[in-house]
Amino acid sequence: MPGITREEVAHLARLSRLELKSEELDHFAEQLNAIVDAVARVSEIAADDVPPTSHPLPLTNVMRPDVVRPSLTPAEALAGAPAAEEQRFRVPQILGED
């Protein structure tokens, strides 16, 4: 497979609206070629009898039963808050919206 050229990297940078310097084009072309080569080597090694997997070991979620337990009341939870409003923490407005 032919390598990725600096012109192809420049084209991808334009599509991505990235401004890259000349030395960055060469650097990224080299890095992308290394990635493509690594993927090609893995493809060569993969045997037909080995199923594709997302993880080398089987994963299972460990769950515990969801049990309702006593917790703080809204008043207790807001007792140490510097400001509260309608049973909620009041924080400074950051987005400039009403």
N, C-alpha and C. Protein backbone atom coordinates (compact mmCIF):
# COMPACT_ATOMS: atom_id res chain seq x y z
N MET A 1 0.86 -1.18 0.00
CA MET A 1 0.00 0.00 0.00
C MET A 1 0.89 1.24 0.00
N PRO A 2 0.62 2.18 -0.88
CA PRO A 2 1.45 3.38 -0.91
C PRO A 2 1.27 4.20 0.36
N GLY A 3 2.34 4.91 0.72
CA GLY A 3 2.29 5.71 1.94
C GLY A 3 1.45 6.95 1.78
N ILE A 4 1.16 7.56 2.91
CA ILE A 4 0.39 8.80 2.93
C ILE A 4 1.35 9.95 2.64
N THR A 5 1.01 10.76 1.67
CA THR A 5 1.88 11.86 1.26
C THR A 5 1.57 13.12 2.04
N ARG A 6 2.51 14.05 2.00
CA ARG A 6 2.28 15.33 2.68
C ARG A 6 1.14 16.09 2.01
N GLU A 7 0.92 15.86 0.70
CA GLU A 7 -0.19 16.51 0.00
C GLU A 7 -1.53 15.99 0.54
N GLU A 8 -1.59 14.69 0.82
CA GLU A 8 -2.82 14.13 1.40
C GLU A 8 -3.05 14.67 2.81
N VAL A 9 -1.98 14.82 3.57
CA VAL A 9 -2.11 15.41 4.91
C VAL A 9 -2.57 16.86 4.79
N ALA A 10 -2.03 17.60 3.84
CA ALA A 10 -2.44 18.99 3.63
C ALA A 10 -3.92 19.06 3.24
N HIS A 11 -4.35 18.12 2.40
CA HIS A 11 -5.76 18.07 2.00
C HIS A 11 -6.66 17.79 3.21
N LEU A 12 -6.27 16.81 4.03
CA LEU A 12 -7.05 16.51 5.24
C LEU A 12 -7.07 17.69 6.20
N ALA A 13 -5.94 18.39 6.30
CA ALA A 13 -5.88 19.57 7.17
C ALA A 13 -6.83 20.65 6.68
N ARG A 14 -6.88 20.86 5.35
CA ARG A 14 -7.81 21.86 4.79
C ARG A 14 -9.26 21.46 5.08
N LEU A 15 -9.57 20.18 4.90
CA LEU A 15 -10.93 19.72 5.18
C LEU A 15 -11.30 19.89 6.64
N SER A 16 -10.30 19.73 7.50
CA SER A 16 -10.52 19.85 8.95
C SER A 16 -10.37 21.28 9.44
N ARG A 17 -10.06 22.16 8.50
CA ARG A 17 -9.84 23.58 8.82
C ARG A 17 -8.72 23.76 9.84
N LEU A 18 -7.63 22.99 9.61
CA LEU A 18 -6.43 23.11 10.43
C LEU A 18 -5.34 23.78 9.62
N GLU A 19 -4.64 24.68 10.23
CA GLU A 19 -3.52 25.34 9.57
C GLU A 19 -2.25 24.67 10.05
N LEU A 20 -1.58 23.95 9.16
CA LEU A 20 -0.36 23.24 9.52
C LEU A 20 0.83 23.85 8.81
N LYS A 21 1.96 23.89 9.52
CA LYS A 21 3.21 24.36 8.92
C LYS A 21 3.80 23.24 8.07
N SER A 22 4.75 23.60 7.23
CA SER A 22 5.37 22.64 6.32
C SER A 22 6.00 21.47 7.07
N GLU A 23 6.71 21.77 8.16
CA GLU A 23 7.34 20.69 8.93
C GLU A 23 6.31 19.81 9.63
N GLU A 24 5.16 20.38 9.97
CA GLU A 24 4.10 19.59 10.58
C GLU A 24 3.50 18.62 9.57
N LEU A 25 3.37 19.04 8.31
CA LEU A 25 2.86 18.15 7.27
C LEU A 25 3.74 16.92 7.14
N ASP A 26 5.06 17.13 7.11
CA ASP A 26 5.99 16.00 7.02
C ASP A 26 5.90 15.11 8.25
N HIS A 27 5.84 15.75 9.42
CA HIS A 27 5.77 15.00 10.69
C HIS A 27 4.50 14.14 10.75
N PHE A 28 3.36 14.74 10.43
CA PHE A 28 2.10 14.00 10.50
C PHE A 28 2.01 12.91 9.43
N ALA A 29 2.57 13.17 8.25
CA ALA A 29 2.59 12.14 7.21
C ALA A 29 3.38 10.94 7.70
N GLU A 30 4.51 11.19 8.35
CA GLU A 30 5.33 10.10 8.90
C GLU A 30 4.57 9.33 9.98
N GLN A 31 3.91 10.06 10.87
CA GLN A 31 3.15 9.41 11.94
C GLN A 31 1.98 8.59 11.38
N LEU A 32 1.26 9.15 10.42
CA LEU A 32 0.12 8.43 9.84
C LEU A 32 0.59 7.18 9.11
N ASN A 33 1.73 7.26 8.45
CA ASN A 33 2.28 6.07 7.79
C ASN A 33 2.63 5.00 8.81
N ALA A 34 3.17 5.39 9.96
CA ALA A 34 3.49 4.42 11.01
C ALA A 34 2.22 3.75 11.52
N ILE A 35 1.15 4.50 11.64
CA ILE A 35 -0.13 3.94 12.11
C ILE A 35 -0.67 2.95 11.08
N VAL A 36 -0.66 3.35 9.81
CA VAL A 36 -1.16 2.47 8.75
C VAL A 36 -0.34 1.19 8.69
N ASP A 37 0.99 1.31 8.84
CA ASP A 37 1.85 0.12 8.83
C ASP A 37 1.53 -0.80 10.00
N ALA A 38 1.29 -0.23 11.18
CA ALA A 38 0.97 -1.05 12.35
C ALA A 38 -0.35 -1.79 12.16
N VAL A 39 -1.34 -1.12 11.61
CA VAL A 39 -2.63 -1.77 11.36
C VAL A 39 -2.47 -2.88 10.32
N ALA A 40 -1.64 -2.64 9.31
CA ALA A 40 -1.41 -3.66 8.28
C ALA A 40 -0.73 -4.88 8.88
N ARG A 41 0.21 -4.67 9.81
CA ARG A 41 0.88 -5.81 10.45
C ARG A 41 -0.10 -6.61 11.29
N VAL A 42 -0.99 -5.96 11.98
CA VAL A 42 -1.99 -6.67 12.78
C VAL A 42 -2.90 -7.46 11.87
N SER A 43 -3.28 -6.89 10.74
CA SER A 43 -4.14 -7.60 9.79
C SER A 43 -3.47 -8.84 9.24
N GLU A 44 -2.16 -8.79 9.03
CA GLU A 44 -1.42 -9.95 8.53
C GLU A 44 -1.39 -11.07 9.56
N ILE A 45 -1.29 -10.71 10.84
CA ILE A 45 -1.15 -11.69 11.91
C ILE A 45 -2.49 -12.34 12.25
N ALA A 46 -3.57 -11.59 12.17
CA ALA A 46 -4.88 -12.09 12.57
C ALA A 46 -5.24 -13.33 11.77
N ALA A 47 -5.57 -14.39 12.48
CA ALA A 47 -5.95 -15.65 11.84
C ALA A 47 -7.46 -15.70 11.64
N ASP A 48 -7.88 -16.51 10.68
CA ASP A 48 -9.31 -16.63 10.39
C ASP A 48 -10.07 -17.28 11.53
N ASP A 49 -9.39 -18.11 12.33
CA ASP A 49 -10.09 -18.80 13.41
C ASP A 49 -10.15 -17.98 14.70
N VAL A 50 -9.61 -16.76 14.70
CA VAL A 50 -9.66 -15.89 15.87
C VAL A 50 -10.74 -14.85 15.65
N PRO A 51 -11.79 -14.86 16.49
CA PRO A 51 -12.87 -13.89 16.28
C PRO A 51 -12.43 -12.47 16.66
N PRO A 52 -12.94 -11.47 15.98
CA PRO A 52 -12.61 -10.09 16.35
C PRO A 52 -13.19 -9.76 17.72
N THR A 53 -12.44 -9.04 18.51
CA THR A 53 -12.89 -8.66 19.84
C THR A 53 -12.56 -7.19 20.09
N SER A 54 -13.24 -6.61 21.05
CA SER A 54 -12.95 -5.23 21.43
C SER A 54 -12.03 -5.17 22.63
N HIS A 55 -11.84 -6.32 23.31
CA HIS A 55 -11.01 -6.37 24.50
C HIS A 55 -10.42 -7.77 24.60
N PRO A 56 -9.17 -7.90 25.05
CA PRO A 56 -8.57 -9.23 25.09
C PRO A 56 -9.19 -10.17 26.13
N LEU A 57 -9.82 -9.61 27.13
CA LEU A 57 -10.44 -10.43 28.18
C LEU A 57 -11.94 -10.16 28.20
N PRO A 58 -12.74 -11.17 28.53
CA PRO A 58 -14.18 -10.92 28.61
C PRO A 58 -14.49 -9.96 29.76
N LEU A 59 -15.37 -9.01 29.51
CA LEU A 59 -15.74 -8.03 30.53
C LEU A 59 -17.19 -8.24 30.96
N THR A 60 -17.43 -8.15 32.24
CA THR A 60 -18.79 -8.18 32.76
C THR A 60 -18.93 -7.08 33.81
N ASN A 61 -20.07 -6.46 33.85
CA ASN A 61 -20.32 -5.43 34.85
C ASN A 61 -20.65 -6.09 36.17
N VAL A 62 -20.08 -5.56 37.23
CA VAL A 62 -20.38 -6.05 38.57
C VAL A 62 -21.43 -5.12 39.13
N MET A 63 -22.58 -5.66 39.41
CA MET A 63 -23.69 -4.85 39.89
C MET A 63 -24.06 -5.27 41.30
N ARG A 64 -24.54 -4.31 42.05
CA ARG A 64 -25.08 -4.61 43.36
C ARG A 64 -26.56 -4.25 43.33
N PRO A 65 -27.34 -4.83 44.20
CA PRO A 65 -28.77 -4.49 44.21
C PRO A 65 -28.96 -3.01 44.57
N ASP A 66 -29.92 -2.40 43.91
CA ASP A 66 -30.26 -1.01 44.18
C ASP A 66 -31.24 -1.00 45.35
N VAL A 67 -30.74 -0.62 46.51
CA VAL A 67 -31.55 -0.66 47.73
C VAL A 67 -31.76 0.76 48.21
N VAL A 68 -33.01 1.10 48.51
CA VAL A 68 -33.33 2.42 49.04
C VAL A 68 -32.87 2.47 50.49
N ARG A 69 -32.09 3.50 50.81
CA ARG A 69 -31.61 3.67 52.18
C ARG A 69 -31.94 5.08 52.64
N PRO A 70 -31.96 5.30 53.93
CA PRO A 70 -32.22 6.67 54.42
C PRO A 70 -31.13 7.61 53.92
N SER A 71 -31.54 8.82 53.56
CA SER A 71 -30.58 9.81 53.09
C SER A 71 -30.96 11.18 53.64
N LEU A 72 -30.23 12.20 53.21
CA LEU A 72 -30.48 13.55 53.69
C LEU A 72 -31.80 14.09 53.13
N THR A 73 -32.44 14.89 53.92
CA THR A 73 -33.61 15.62 53.41
C THR A 73 -33.08 16.80 52.60
N PRO A 74 -33.91 17.41 51.76
CA PRO A 74 -33.44 18.59 51.02
C PRO A 74 -32.92 19.69 51.95
N ALA A 75 -33.59 19.91 53.07
CA ALA A 75 -33.15 20.95 54.01
C ALA A 75 -31.78 20.61 54.58
N GLU A 76 -31.54 19.34 54.91
CA GLU A 76 -30.24 18.93 55.45
C GLU A 76 -29.13 19.06 54.39
N ALA A 77 -29.46 18.71 53.16
CA ALA A 77 -28.47 18.79 52.10
C ALA A 77 -28.08 20.23 51.81
N LEU A 78 -29.04 21.15 51.92
CA LEU A 78 -28.80 22.56 51.61
C LEU A 78 -28.35 23.37 52.82
N ALA A 79 -28.25 22.74 53.99
CA ALA A 79 -27.93 23.46 55.22
C ALA A 79 -26.58 24.17 55.14
N GLY A 80 -25.59 23.61 54.50
CA GLY A 80 -24.27 24.24 54.42
C GLY A 80 -24.04 25.02 53.16
N ALA A 81 -25.05 25.12 52.31
CA ALA A 81 -24.88 25.83 51.03
C ALA A 81 -24.85 27.34 51.26
N PRO A 82 -23.99 28.06 50.54
CA PRO A 82 -23.97 29.52 50.69
C PRO A 82 -25.26 30.17 50.19
N ALA A 83 -25.93 29.55 49.20
CA ALA A 83 -27.19 30.09 48.69
C ALA A 83 -28.05 28.94 48.17
N ALA A 84 -29.35 29.03 48.43
CA ALA A 84 -30.28 28.00 47.96
C ALA A 84 -31.53 28.71 47.44
N GLU A 85 -32.20 28.03 46.48
CA GLU A 85 -33.43 28.57 45.91
C GLU A 85 -34.28 27.42 45.44
N GLU A 86 -35.54 27.36 45.86
CA GLU A 86 -36.48 26.31 45.47
C GLU A 86 -35.90 24.91 45.69
N GLN A 87 -35.33 24.69 46.86
CA GLN A 87 -34.74 23.40 47.25
C GLN A 87 -33.61 22.96 46.32
N ARG A 88 -32.86 23.93 45.80
CA ARG A 88 -31.72 23.65 44.93
C ARG A 88 -30.56 24.56 45.33
N PHE A 89 -29.34 24.12 45.01
CA PHE A 89 -28.18 24.97 45.21
C PHE A 89 -28.26 26.13 44.23
N ARG A 90 -28.03 27.33 44.72
CA ARG A 90 -28.01 28.50 43.83
C ARG A 90 -26.54 28.81 43.53
N VAL A 91 -26.24 28.89 42.24
CA VAL A 91 -24.87 29.17 41.81
C VAL A 91 -24.88 30.38 40.90
N PRO A 92 -23.72 31.03 40.72
CA PRO A 92 -23.68 32.20 39.84
C PRO A 92 -23.99 31.81 38.39
N GLN A 93 -24.66 32.68 37.69
CA GLN A 93 -24.99 32.46 36.28
C GLN A 93 -23.71 32.55 35.46
N ILE A 94 -23.50 31.58 34.55
CA ILE A 94 -22.26 31.59 33.78
C ILE A 94 -22.50 31.68 32.27
N LEU A 95 -23.69 31.40 31.78
CA LEU A 95 -23.93 31.36 30.36
C LEU A 95 -24.58 32.62 29.81
N GLY A 96 -24.98 33.55 30.66
CA GLY A 96 -25.59 34.76 30.17
C GLY A 96 -27.02 34.56 29.66
N GLU A 97 -27.64 33.48 30.07
CA GLU A 97 -29.02 33.21 29.64
C GLU A 97 -29.97 33.53 30.77
N ASP A 98 -31.24 33.80 30.41
CA ASP A 98 -32.27 34.07 31.43
C ASP A 98 -32.81 32.79 31.99
